[in-house]
């Protein structure tokens, strides 16, 4: 078998057989196929596409290119949740304790933020002492004991994806549905959960700007997961404005804690209940969505979900007292309002720009080597449909650097659009696929 022949075959619109895909992935991971040949293959796939069978085979080959976590030691149906990324998306911080409190084990692999989207691990590190550097045995022990564990993604999981993504990133071949789906799902499958619930974002702050593209990606990933024998569900949700009001690591932790106390934003609560209900259904704890949401609301009302967050934080080395006393979380030196220069209804918020403003304050990474300031960020005071007077605050910015604060203020003001007409409501949940 020669890589040259496979490139020509795909370039000419042919379909790659399972053994050809496995050969290609295995030999590239070992370093026996050079980058220039794999770049040619990625470009051929970009233009010619892959059918369902090829996409599944590519995903499985990437999954099997490294370690696969064996979670059979965890009792019950293990459920993982994955978001395609957004601004203010602190969902896992509230969702995992809610679901675990209902008796469904949450065994989750998470990553760090890069660019305008935040990462679950960075947010959790707002708790002093918290770590996601767990051994597989400790990971499983924590899930069995308290129902939750969140671990950083190991470089040994799906190493083919890491190599391929780095190559696609510099060759203009990222934006292909089969390649995106296989990249996400290879890591999820290697993480070992029995069921996977996906939160596929769409809008100005999402990777998939168009709703039809988000649906297409969701369908592809659900199909892959089912083909690999997993229980699957995908929720398509709006990311045309930030989720909730807080954007920034410690600020989002505070909002997640408020939500577990029953005091969180309505949109964030709606998403947690929607995703949580799919997780309970996948875990066999409810017969329908209505019953699942009822169970989730009960653990919020009686305080079990908040207590579960504290247990989870403590189990991974964090100071659980910070769950009950937010003064123990990182706090910025400066707080500055972003004042509106005109009057009207908020008709649009450029969600990606809000994320970039948080990044400029120091709350995100421009490169993988960037050091995050966990205390900085933005709390929105006005969202779509809200009326704003001239001179009224649109948001509060939190910073430790005056110059960064000035730059972010100017840019955030430009992210808001006001109009004389009040815009109609936009549903947060676009749809659910199983």
Protein backbone atom coordinates (compact mmCIF):
# COMPACT_ATOMS: atom_id res chain seq x y z
CA UNK A 1 0.00 0.00 0.00
CA UNK A 2 1.35 3.44 -0.96
CA UNK A 3 0.23 6.82 0.32
CA UNK A 4 0.72 8.25 -3.18
CA UNK A 5 -1.96 5.89 -4.56
CA UNK A 6 -4.40 6.80 -1.78
CA UNK A 7 -3.95 10.54 -2.43
CA UNK A 8 -4.66 10.06 -6.14
CA UNK A 9 -7.66 7.87 -5.37
CA UNK A 10 -9.27 10.48 -3.10
CA UNK A 11 -8.26 13.34 -5.41
CA UNK A 12 -10.18 11.61 -8.20
CA UNK A 13 -13.30 11.19 -6.03
CA UNK A 14 -12.79 7.58 -4.96
CA UNK A 15 -13.73 6.09 -1.59
CA UNK A 16 -11.06 4.86 0.80
CA UNK A 17 -11.46 1.35 2.19
CA UNK A 18 -11.25 0.78 6.00
CA UNK A 19 -7.81 -0.85 5.73
CA UNK A 20 -6.54 2.08 3.64
CA UNK A 21 -7.73 4.61 6.23
CA UNK A 22 -6.20 2.61 9.08
CA UNK A 23 -2.90 2.35 7.19
CA UNK A 24 -2.86 6.09 6.53
CA UNK A 25 -3.58 7.06 10.16
CA UNK A 26 -1.26 4.49 11.74
CA UNK A 27 1.71 5.24 9.49
CA UNK A 28 1.30 9.02 9.80
CA UNK A 29 1.13 8.76 13.60
CA UNK A 30 4.34 6.69 13.58
CA UNK A 31 6.07 9.29 11.41
CA UNK A 32 6.37 7.04 8.35
CA UNK A 33 4.16 9.26 6.15
CA UNK A 34 5.55 12.80 5.73
CA UNK A 35 3.53 15.96 6.39
CA UNK A 36 3.54 16.96 2.72
CA UNK A 37 1.74 13.77 1.70
CA UNK A 38 -0.81 13.99 4.53
CA UNK A 39 -1.37 17.67 3.65
CA UNK A 40 -2.21 16.59 0.10
CA UNK A 41 -4.64 13.98 1.47
CA UNK A 42 -6.33 16.51 3.77
CA UNK A 43 -6.79 18.88 0.83
CA UNK A 44 -8.21 16.05 -1.30
CA UNK A 45 -10.67 15.20 1.50
CA UNK A 46 -11.50 18.89 1.91
CA UNK A 47 -12.61 19.15 -1.72
CA UNK A 48 -13.89 15.61 -2.37
CA UNK A 49 -15.41 14.89 1.04
CA UNK A 50 -15.91 11.59 2.82
CA UNK A 51 -18.99 9.40 3.03
CA UNK A 52 -20.46 8.14 6.34
CA UNK A 53 -18.46 4.90 6.33
CA UNK A 54 -15.17 6.70 5.64
CA UNK A 55 -15.85 9.26 8.37
CA UNK A 56 -16.60 6.56 10.93
CA UNK A 57 -13.48 4.58 9.95
CA UNK A 58 -11.32 7.71 10.16
CA UNK A 59 -12.69 8.45 13.65
CA UNK A 60 -12.12 4.90 14.88
CA UNK A 61 -8.59 4.83 13.46
CA UNK A 62 -7.79 8.11 15.23
CA UNK A 63 -9.37 6.86 18.48
CA UNK A 64 -7.28 3.69 18.32
CA UNK A 65 -4.02 5.55 17.55
CA UNK A 66 -3.25 5.83 21.28
CA UNK A 67 -4.55 4.88 24.70
CA UNK A 68 -8.26 4.19 25.23
CA UNK A 69 -9.51 4.68 28.78
CA UNK A 70 -11.12 1.58 30.24
CA UNK A 71 -13.85 2.86 32.57
CA UNK A 72 -15.43 -0.56 33.19
CA UNK A 73 -14.47 -0.17 36.85
CA UNK A 74 -17.03 2.62 37.21
CA UNK A 75 -20.49 1.45 38.26
CA UNK A 76 -23.48 2.39 36.11
CA UNK A 77 -23.77 4.07 32.72
CA UNK A 78 -20.96 6.62 32.45
CA UNK A 79 -22.01 9.85 30.72
CA UNK A 80 -19.76 12.54 29.21
CA UNK A 81 -20.79 15.93 27.83
CA UNK A 82 -18.98 17.97 25.21
CA UNK A 83 -19.53 21.55 24.04
CA UNK A 84 -18.20 22.85 20.73
CA UNK A 85 -17.25 26.03 22.59
CA UNK A 86 -18.64 29.46 23.19
CA UNK A 87 -18.50 32.65 25.26
CA UNK A 88 -19.63 32.45 28.88
CA UNK A 89 -20.13 28.70 28.55
CA UNK A 90 -19.64 27.54 32.13
CA UNK A 91 -22.18 24.74 31.73
CA UNK A 92 -20.10 21.82 33.02
CA UNK A 93 -19.53 23.59 36.36
CA UNK A 94 -23.23 23.47 37.21
CA UNK A 95 -24.39 20.60 35.00
CA UNK A 96 -22.02 17.87 36.28
CA UNK A 97 -23.05 18.29 39.97
CA UNK A 98 -26.73 18.39 38.99
CA UNK A 99 -26.52 15.17 36.97
CA UNK A 100 -24.32 13.37 39.52
CA UNK A 101 -26.75 14.30 42.30
CA UNK A 102 -29.44 12.43 40.33
CA UNK A 103 -27.34 9.25 40.36
CA UNK A 104 -25.78 9.34 36.87
CA UNK A 105 -21.95 9.09 36.97
CA UNK A 106 -20.22 11.90 35.08
CA UNK A 107 -16.77 10.87 33.81
CA UNK A 108 -15.54 13.85 31.83
CA UNK A 109 -12.44 14.80 29.87
CA UNK A 110 -12.02 18.54 29.44
CA UNK A 111 -9.61 20.95 27.84
CA UNK A 112 -8.29 24.46 28.32
CA UNK A 113 -9.48 27.58 26.55
CA UNK A 114 -7.84 28.90 23.40
CA UNK A 115 -8.79 32.09 21.58
CA UNK A 116 -12.16 33.68 22.37
CA UNK A 117 -13.67 30.51 23.93
CA UNK A 118 -13.05 29.50 27.52
CA UNK A 119 -12.00 26.11 28.89
CA UNK A 120 -13.56 24.13 31.73
CA UNK A 121 -10.20 23.32 33.34
CA UNK A 122 -9.17 26.99 33.53
CA UNK A 123 -12.46 27.87 35.20
CA UNK A 124 -12.17 25.06 37.74
CA UNK A 125 -8.64 26.22 38.63
CA UNK A 126 -10.26 29.36 40.07
CA UNK A 127 -10.80 27.14 43.13
CA UNK A 128 -7.49 27.37 45.06
CA UNK A 129 -5.59 24.07 44.84
CA UNK A 130 -7.90 22.41 42.28
CA UNK A 131 -6.21 19.98 39.88
CA UNK A 132 -7.30 17.89 36.93
CA UNK A 133 -4.04 15.93 36.83
CA UNK A 134 -5.53 12.65 38.01
CA UNK A 135 -4.34 9.12 37.44
CA UNK A 136 -6.91 6.87 35.73
CA UNK A 137 -7.36 4.95 39.02
CA UNK A 138 -8.02 8.15 40.99
CA UNK A 139 -10.36 9.36 38.23
CA UNK A 140 -12.46 6.17 38.46
CA UNK A 141 -12.35 6.12 42.27
CA UNK A 142 -13.74 9.68 42.41
CA UNK A 143 -16.57 8.86 40.01
CA UNK A 144 -17.52 5.77 42.05
CA UNK A 145 -17.31 7.68 45.34
CA UNK A 146 -18.96 11.02 44.57
CA UNK A 147 -20.32 10.61 41.05
CA UNK A 148 -18.04 13.13 39.25
CA UNK A 149 -14.50 13.47 38.04
CA UNK A 150 -13.06 15.84 35.44
CA UNK A 151 -9.61 15.10 34.06
CA UNK A 152 -7.40 16.93 31.59
CA UNK A 153 -7.06 15.40 28.14
CA UNK A 154 -4.00 13.18 28.00
CA UNK A 155 -1.59 13.57 25.10
CA UNK A 156 -1.72 9.77 24.84
CA UNK A 157 -5.42 9.87 23.88
CA UNK A 158 -5.98 10.02 20.10
CA UNK A 159 -2.45 11.29 19.24
CA UNK A 160 -3.31 11.05 15.54
CA UNK A 161 -5.88 13.80 16.03
CA UNK A 162 -3.31 16.09 17.64
CA UNK A 163 -0.93 15.63 14.68
CA UNK A 164 -3.66 15.96 12.07
CA UNK A 165 -5.27 19.02 13.64
CA UNK A 166 -1.93 20.86 13.81
CA UNK A 167 -1.42 20.07 10.13
CA UNK A 168 -4.96 21.12 9.12
CA UNK A 169 -4.57 24.35 11.07
CA UNK A 170 -1.70 25.50 8.85
CA UNK A 171 -2.92 24.09 5.51
CA UNK A 172 -6.42 25.62 5.32
CA UNK A 173 -8.22 22.29 5.78
CA UNK A 174 -9.90 22.76 9.18
CA UNK A 175 -13.35 23.60 7.85
CA UNK A 176 -14.55 20.21 6.60
CA UNK A 177 -17.49 18.48 8.31
CA UNK A 178 -16.00 14.97 8.30
CA UNK A 179 -12.64 16.18 9.60
CA UNK A 180 -14.22 18.34 12.34
CA UNK A 181 -16.55 15.54 13.47
CA UNK A 182 -13.84 12.88 13.49
CA UNK A 183 -11.49 15.18 15.43
CA UNK A 184 -14.03 15.79 18.21
CA UNK A 185 -15.41 12.27 18.36
CA UNK A 186 -12.07 10.43 18.29
CA UNK A 187 -11.15 12.07 21.61
CA UNK A 188 -14.61 11.52 23.09
CA UNK A 189 -14.62 7.83 22.14
CA UNK A 190 -11.12 7.32 23.54
CA UNK A 191 -12.28 8.87 26.83
CA UNK A 192 -14.28 5.73 27.57
CA UNK A 193 -17.80 6.95 28.49
CA UNK A 194 -20.86 4.85 27.63
CA UNK A 195 -22.96 7.83 26.57
CA UNK A 196 -22.07 11.22 25.11
CA UNK A 197 -24.28 14.32 25.10
CA UNK A 198 -23.12 17.07 22.73
CA UNK A 199 -23.84 20.79 22.97
CA UNK A 200 -23.36 22.10 19.44
CA UNK A 201 -23.28 25.91 19.42
CA UNK A 202 -24.36 28.16 16.57
CA UNK A 203 -24.12 31.94 16.13
CA UNK A 204 -21.57 34.75 16.20
CA UNK A 205 -19.67 33.32 19.18
CA UNK A 206 -19.60 29.74 17.88
CA UNK A 207 -17.34 27.84 15.51
CA UNK A 208 -20.44 27.03 13.43
CA UNK A 209 -21.85 30.46 12.58
CA UNK A 210 -24.77 29.08 10.53
CA UNK A 211 -27.53 27.00 12.10
CA UNK A 212 -27.62 24.54 9.18
CA UNK A 213 -23.89 23.86 9.65
CA UNK A 214 -24.42 23.21 13.37
CA UNK A 215 -27.18 20.71 12.55
CA UNK A 216 -24.97 19.02 9.96
CA UNK A 217 -22.11 18.68 12.46
CA UNK A 218 -24.46 17.39 15.17
CA UNK A 219 -25.92 14.78 12.82
CA UNK A 220 -22.44 13.64 11.79
CA UNK A 221 -21.21 13.28 15.37
CA UNK A 222 -24.34 11.46 16.56
CA UNK A 223 -24.00 9.08 13.62
CA UNK A 224 -20.33 8.42 14.46
CA UNK A 225 -21.09 7.82 18.13
CA UNK A 226 -23.89 5.41 17.41
CA UNK A 227 -21.70 3.63 14.87
CA UNK A 228 -19.15 3.14 17.66
CA UNK A 229 -21.82 1.69 19.98
CA UNK A 230 -22.36 4.75 22.20
CA UNK A 231 -25.63 6.26 23.45
CA UNK A 232 -25.81 9.68 21.81
CA UNK A 233 -27.73 12.94 21.91
CA UNK A 234 -26.94 16.40 20.54
CA UNK A 235 -28.48 19.71 21.57
CA UNK A 236 -28.14 22.61 19.11
CA UNK A 237 -28.04 25.83 21.15
CA UNK A 238 -27.74 29.54 20.45
CA UNK A 239 -24.40 31.31 20.85
CA UNK A 240 -25.31 34.58 19.15
CA UNK A 241 -24.81 36.30 22.49
CA UNK A 242 -22.89 35.15 25.59
CA UNK A 243 -24.47 32.46 27.75
CA UNK A 244 -25.62 33.97 31.02
CA UNK A 245 -24.01 37.29 32.02
CA UNK A 246 -20.49 36.40 33.20
CA UNK A 247 -17.50 35.98 30.85
CA UNK A 248 -14.17 35.15 32.50
CA UNK A 249 -12.98 32.29 34.65
CA UNK A 250 -13.68 33.16 38.30
CA UNK A 251 -16.67 35.30 37.29
CA UNK A 252 -18.21 32.31 35.51
CA UNK A 253 -17.56 30.10 38.54
CA UNK A 254 -19.53 32.58 40.67
CA UNK A 255 -22.41 32.48 38.18
CA UNK A 256 -22.41 28.67 38.13
CA UNK A 257 -22.54 28.60 41.94
CA UNK A 258 -25.42 31.10 41.90
CA UNK A 259 -27.23 28.82 39.46
CA UNK A 260 -26.85 25.84 41.79
CA UNK A 261 -28.45 28.03 44.48
CA UNK A 262 -31.39 28.69 42.15
CA UNK A 263 -30.28 32.28 41.49
CA UNK A 264 -28.69 31.97 38.04
CA UNK A 265 -29.63 33.48 34.66
CA UNK A 266 -32.69 32.01 32.94
CA UNK A 267 -30.89 31.09 29.70
CA UNK A 268 -28.10 29.29 31.53
CA UNK A 269 -30.60 27.37 33.65
CA UNK A 270 -32.56 26.39 30.54
CA UNK A 271 -29.46 24.97 28.89
CA UNK A 272 -28.42 23.05 32.03
CA UNK A 273 -31.89 21.51 32.33
CA UNK A 274 -31.97 20.60 28.62
CA UNK A 275 -28.51 19.01 28.55
CA UNK A 276 -29.04 17.45 31.96
CA UNK A 277 -32.29 15.82 30.91
CA UNK A 278 -30.52 14.21 27.93
CA UNK A 279 -27.81 12.93 30.28
CA UNK A 280 -30.37 11.42 32.65
CA UNK A 281 -32.19 9.77 29.75
CA UNK A 282 -28.90 8.34 28.46
CA UNK A 283 -28.05 7.16 31.97
CA UNK A 284 -31.40 5.41 32.38
CA UNK A 285 -32.54 7.55 35.33
CA UNK A 286 -35.69 8.98 33.73
CA UNK A 287 -38.28 7.73 31.26
CA UNK A 288 -38.88 11.09 29.57
CA UNK A 289 -37.58 14.67 29.46
CA UNK A 290 -40.27 16.05 31.77
CA UNK A 291 -39.38 13.59 34.55
CA UNK A 292 -35.66 14.21 34.00
CA UNK A 293 -36.08 17.99 34.40
CA UNK A 294 -38.19 17.42 37.51
CA UNK A 295 -35.37 15.37 39.07
CA UNK A 296 -32.79 18.03 38.19
CA UNK A 297 -34.91 20.82 39.67
CA UNK A 298 -35.37 18.80 42.86
CA UNK A 299 -31.59 18.52 43.50
CA UNK A 300 -31.32 22.28 43.00
CA UNK A 301 -34.15 23.01 45.45
CA UNK A 302 -32.90 20.73 48.22
CA UNK A 303 -29.26 21.85 47.91
CA UNK A 304 -27.82 18.48 46.89
CA UNK A 305 -26.35 19.85 43.65
CA UNK A 306 -24.48 22.66 45.45
CA UNK A 307 -23.18 20.20 48.04
CA UNK A 308 -22.08 17.88 45.22
CA UNK A 309 -20.00 20.70 43.67
CA UNK A 310 -18.24 21.19 47.01
CA UNK A 311 -17.53 17.43 47.27
CA UNK A 312 -16.19 17.41 43.72
CA UNK A 313 -13.90 20.41 44.29
CA UNK A 314 -12.53 18.91 47.51
CA UNK A 315 -11.98 15.50 45.91
CA UNK A 316 -9.70 17.12 43.31
CA UNK A 317 -7.61 19.10 45.80
CA UNK A 318 -9.57 22.35 45.71
CA UNK A 319 -10.76 24.55 48.59
CA UNK A 320 -14.45 23.63 48.86
CA UNK A 321 -15.04 26.59 51.19
CA UNK A 322 -14.93 28.79 48.06
CA UNK A 323 -18.22 27.18 46.95
CA UNK A 324 -19.91 28.89 49.90
CA UNK A 325 -17.70 31.99 50.19
CA UNK A 326 -16.94 33.68 46.85
CA UNK A 327 -14.43 36.04 48.48
CA UNK A 328 -12.03 33.08 48.39
CA UNK A 329 -12.10 33.09 44.57
CA UNK A 330 -9.67 35.27 42.55
CA UNK A 331 -10.72 38.93 42.44
CA UNK A 332 -9.54 41.71 40.09
CA UNK A 333 -8.20 45.07 41.30
CA UNK A 334 -10.26 47.28 38.98
CA UNK A 335 -13.94 47.41 38.09
CA UNK A 336 -15.08 49.76 35.31
CA UNK A 337 -18.49 50.21 33.63
CA UNK A 338 -18.84 50.28 29.83
CA UNK A 339 -21.25 53.17 29.24
CA UNK A 340 -23.58 53.41 26.27
CA UNK A 341 -23.11 56.46 24.02
CA UNK A 342 -26.66 56.25 22.66
CA UNK A 343 -30.15 55.10 23.50
CA UNK A 344 -32.28 52.21 22.25
CA UNK A 345 -32.87 48.48 22.41
CA UNK A 346 -29.94 46.06 22.26
CA UNK A 347 -30.50 44.47 18.85
CA UNK A 348 -27.20 42.57 18.52
CA UNK A 349 -24.14 41.62 20.54
CA UNK A 350 -21.11 40.38 18.62
CA UNK A 351 -20.50 37.39 20.84
CA UNK A 352 -17.02 36.64 19.53
CA UNK A 353 -15.98 40.25 20.21
CA UNK A 354 -17.09 39.91 23.85
CA UNK A 355 -14.90 36.82 24.13
CA UNK A 356 -11.98 38.68 22.57
CA UNK A 357 -12.46 41.55 25.06
CA UNK A 358 -12.14 39.07 27.93
CA UNK A 359 -9.02 37.68 26.25
CA UNK A 360 -7.55 41.20 25.96
CA UNK A 361 -8.10 41.71 29.69
CA UNK A 362 -5.97 38.60 30.27
CA UNK A 363 -8.78 36.08 30.72
CA UNK A 364 -7.95 33.96 27.66
CA UNK A 365 -5.09 32.53 25.61
CA UNK A 366 -3.80 33.88 22.33
CA UNK A 367 -1.35 30.96 22.19
CA UNK A 368 -1.09 27.70 24.13
CA UNK A 369 1.78 29.22 26.14
CA UNK A 370 -0.24 32.26 27.34
CA UNK A 371 -0.76 32.62 31.10
CA UNK A 372 -4.37 33.29 32.11
CA UNK A 373 -5.48 35.79 34.74
CA UNK A 374 -8.35 33.93 36.41
CA UNK A 375 -9.79 37.05 38.08
CA UNK A 376 -10.52 39.24 35.04
CA UNK A 377 -13.47 39.34 32.67
CA UNK A 378 -16.82 40.91 31.92
CA UNK A 379 -20.27 40.86 33.48
CA UNK A 380 -22.94 41.94 31.02
CA UNK A 381 -25.71 44.14 32.38
CA UNK A 382 -27.66 44.41 29.11
CA UNK A 383 -28.46 41.68 26.60
CA UNK A 384 -30.63 41.42 23.48
CA UNK A 385 -34.01 43.06 23.87
CA UNK A 386 -33.01 45.20 26.87
CA UNK A 387 -33.56 48.97 26.70
CA UNK A 388 -30.51 51.18 27.30
CA UNK A 389 -30.36 54.89 28.08
CA UNK A 390 -27.46 57.10 27.02
CA UNK A 391 -24.80 56.92 29.73
CA UNK A 392 -26.22 53.71 31.20
CA UNK A 393 -23.84 50.79 31.81
CA UNK A 394 -23.92 47.97 29.26
CA UNK A 395 -21.45 45.85 31.21
CA UNK A 396 -18.87 45.85 33.98
CA UNK A 397 -15.25 45.04 33.16
CA UNK A 398 -12.85 43.55 35.70
CA UNK A 399 -9.10 44.00 35.18
CA UNK A 400 -5.68 44.16 36.80
CA UNK A 401 -4.07 46.32 34.09
CA UNK A 402 -5.30 49.85 33.28
CA UNK A 403 -4.11 49.82 29.66
CA UNK A 404 -5.74 46.46 28.94
CA UNK A 405 -8.91 47.81 30.55
CA UNK A 406 -9.00 50.87 28.26
CA UNK A 407 -8.50 48.76 25.13
CA UNK A 408 -11.20 46.28 26.13
CA UNK A 409 -13.68 49.05 27.00
CA UNK A 410 -13.40 50.58 23.52
CA UNK A 411 -13.75 47.24 21.81
CA UNK A 412 -16.68 46.05 23.95
CA UNK A 413 -18.63 49.21 23.18
CA UNK A 414 -18.31 48.36 19.48
CA UNK A 415 -19.71 44.86 20.09
CA UNK A 416 -23.12 46.30 20.97
CA UNK A 417 -25.69 47.41 18.37
CA UNK A 418 -28.76 49.41 19.41
CA UNK A 419 -31.98 50.08 17.50
CA UNK A 420 -35.29 51.88 17.93
CA UNK A 421 -37.25 48.64 17.57
CA UNK A 422 -37.22 45.91 20.20
CA UNK A 423 -35.97 42.68 18.59
CA UNK A 424 -38.08 39.55 18.82
CA UNK A 425 -37.05 36.69 21.10
CA UNK A 426 -34.64 34.07 19.77
CA UNK A 427 -34.94 30.52 21.15
CA UNK A 428 -31.92 29.27 23.06
CA UNK A 429 -32.54 25.63 22.15
CA UNK A 430 -32.67 25.18 18.38
CA UNK A 431 -33.25 21.44 18.42
CA UNK A 432 -32.28 18.03 19.82
CA UNK A 433 -30.96 15.09 17.78
CA UNK A 434 -30.62 11.49 18.96
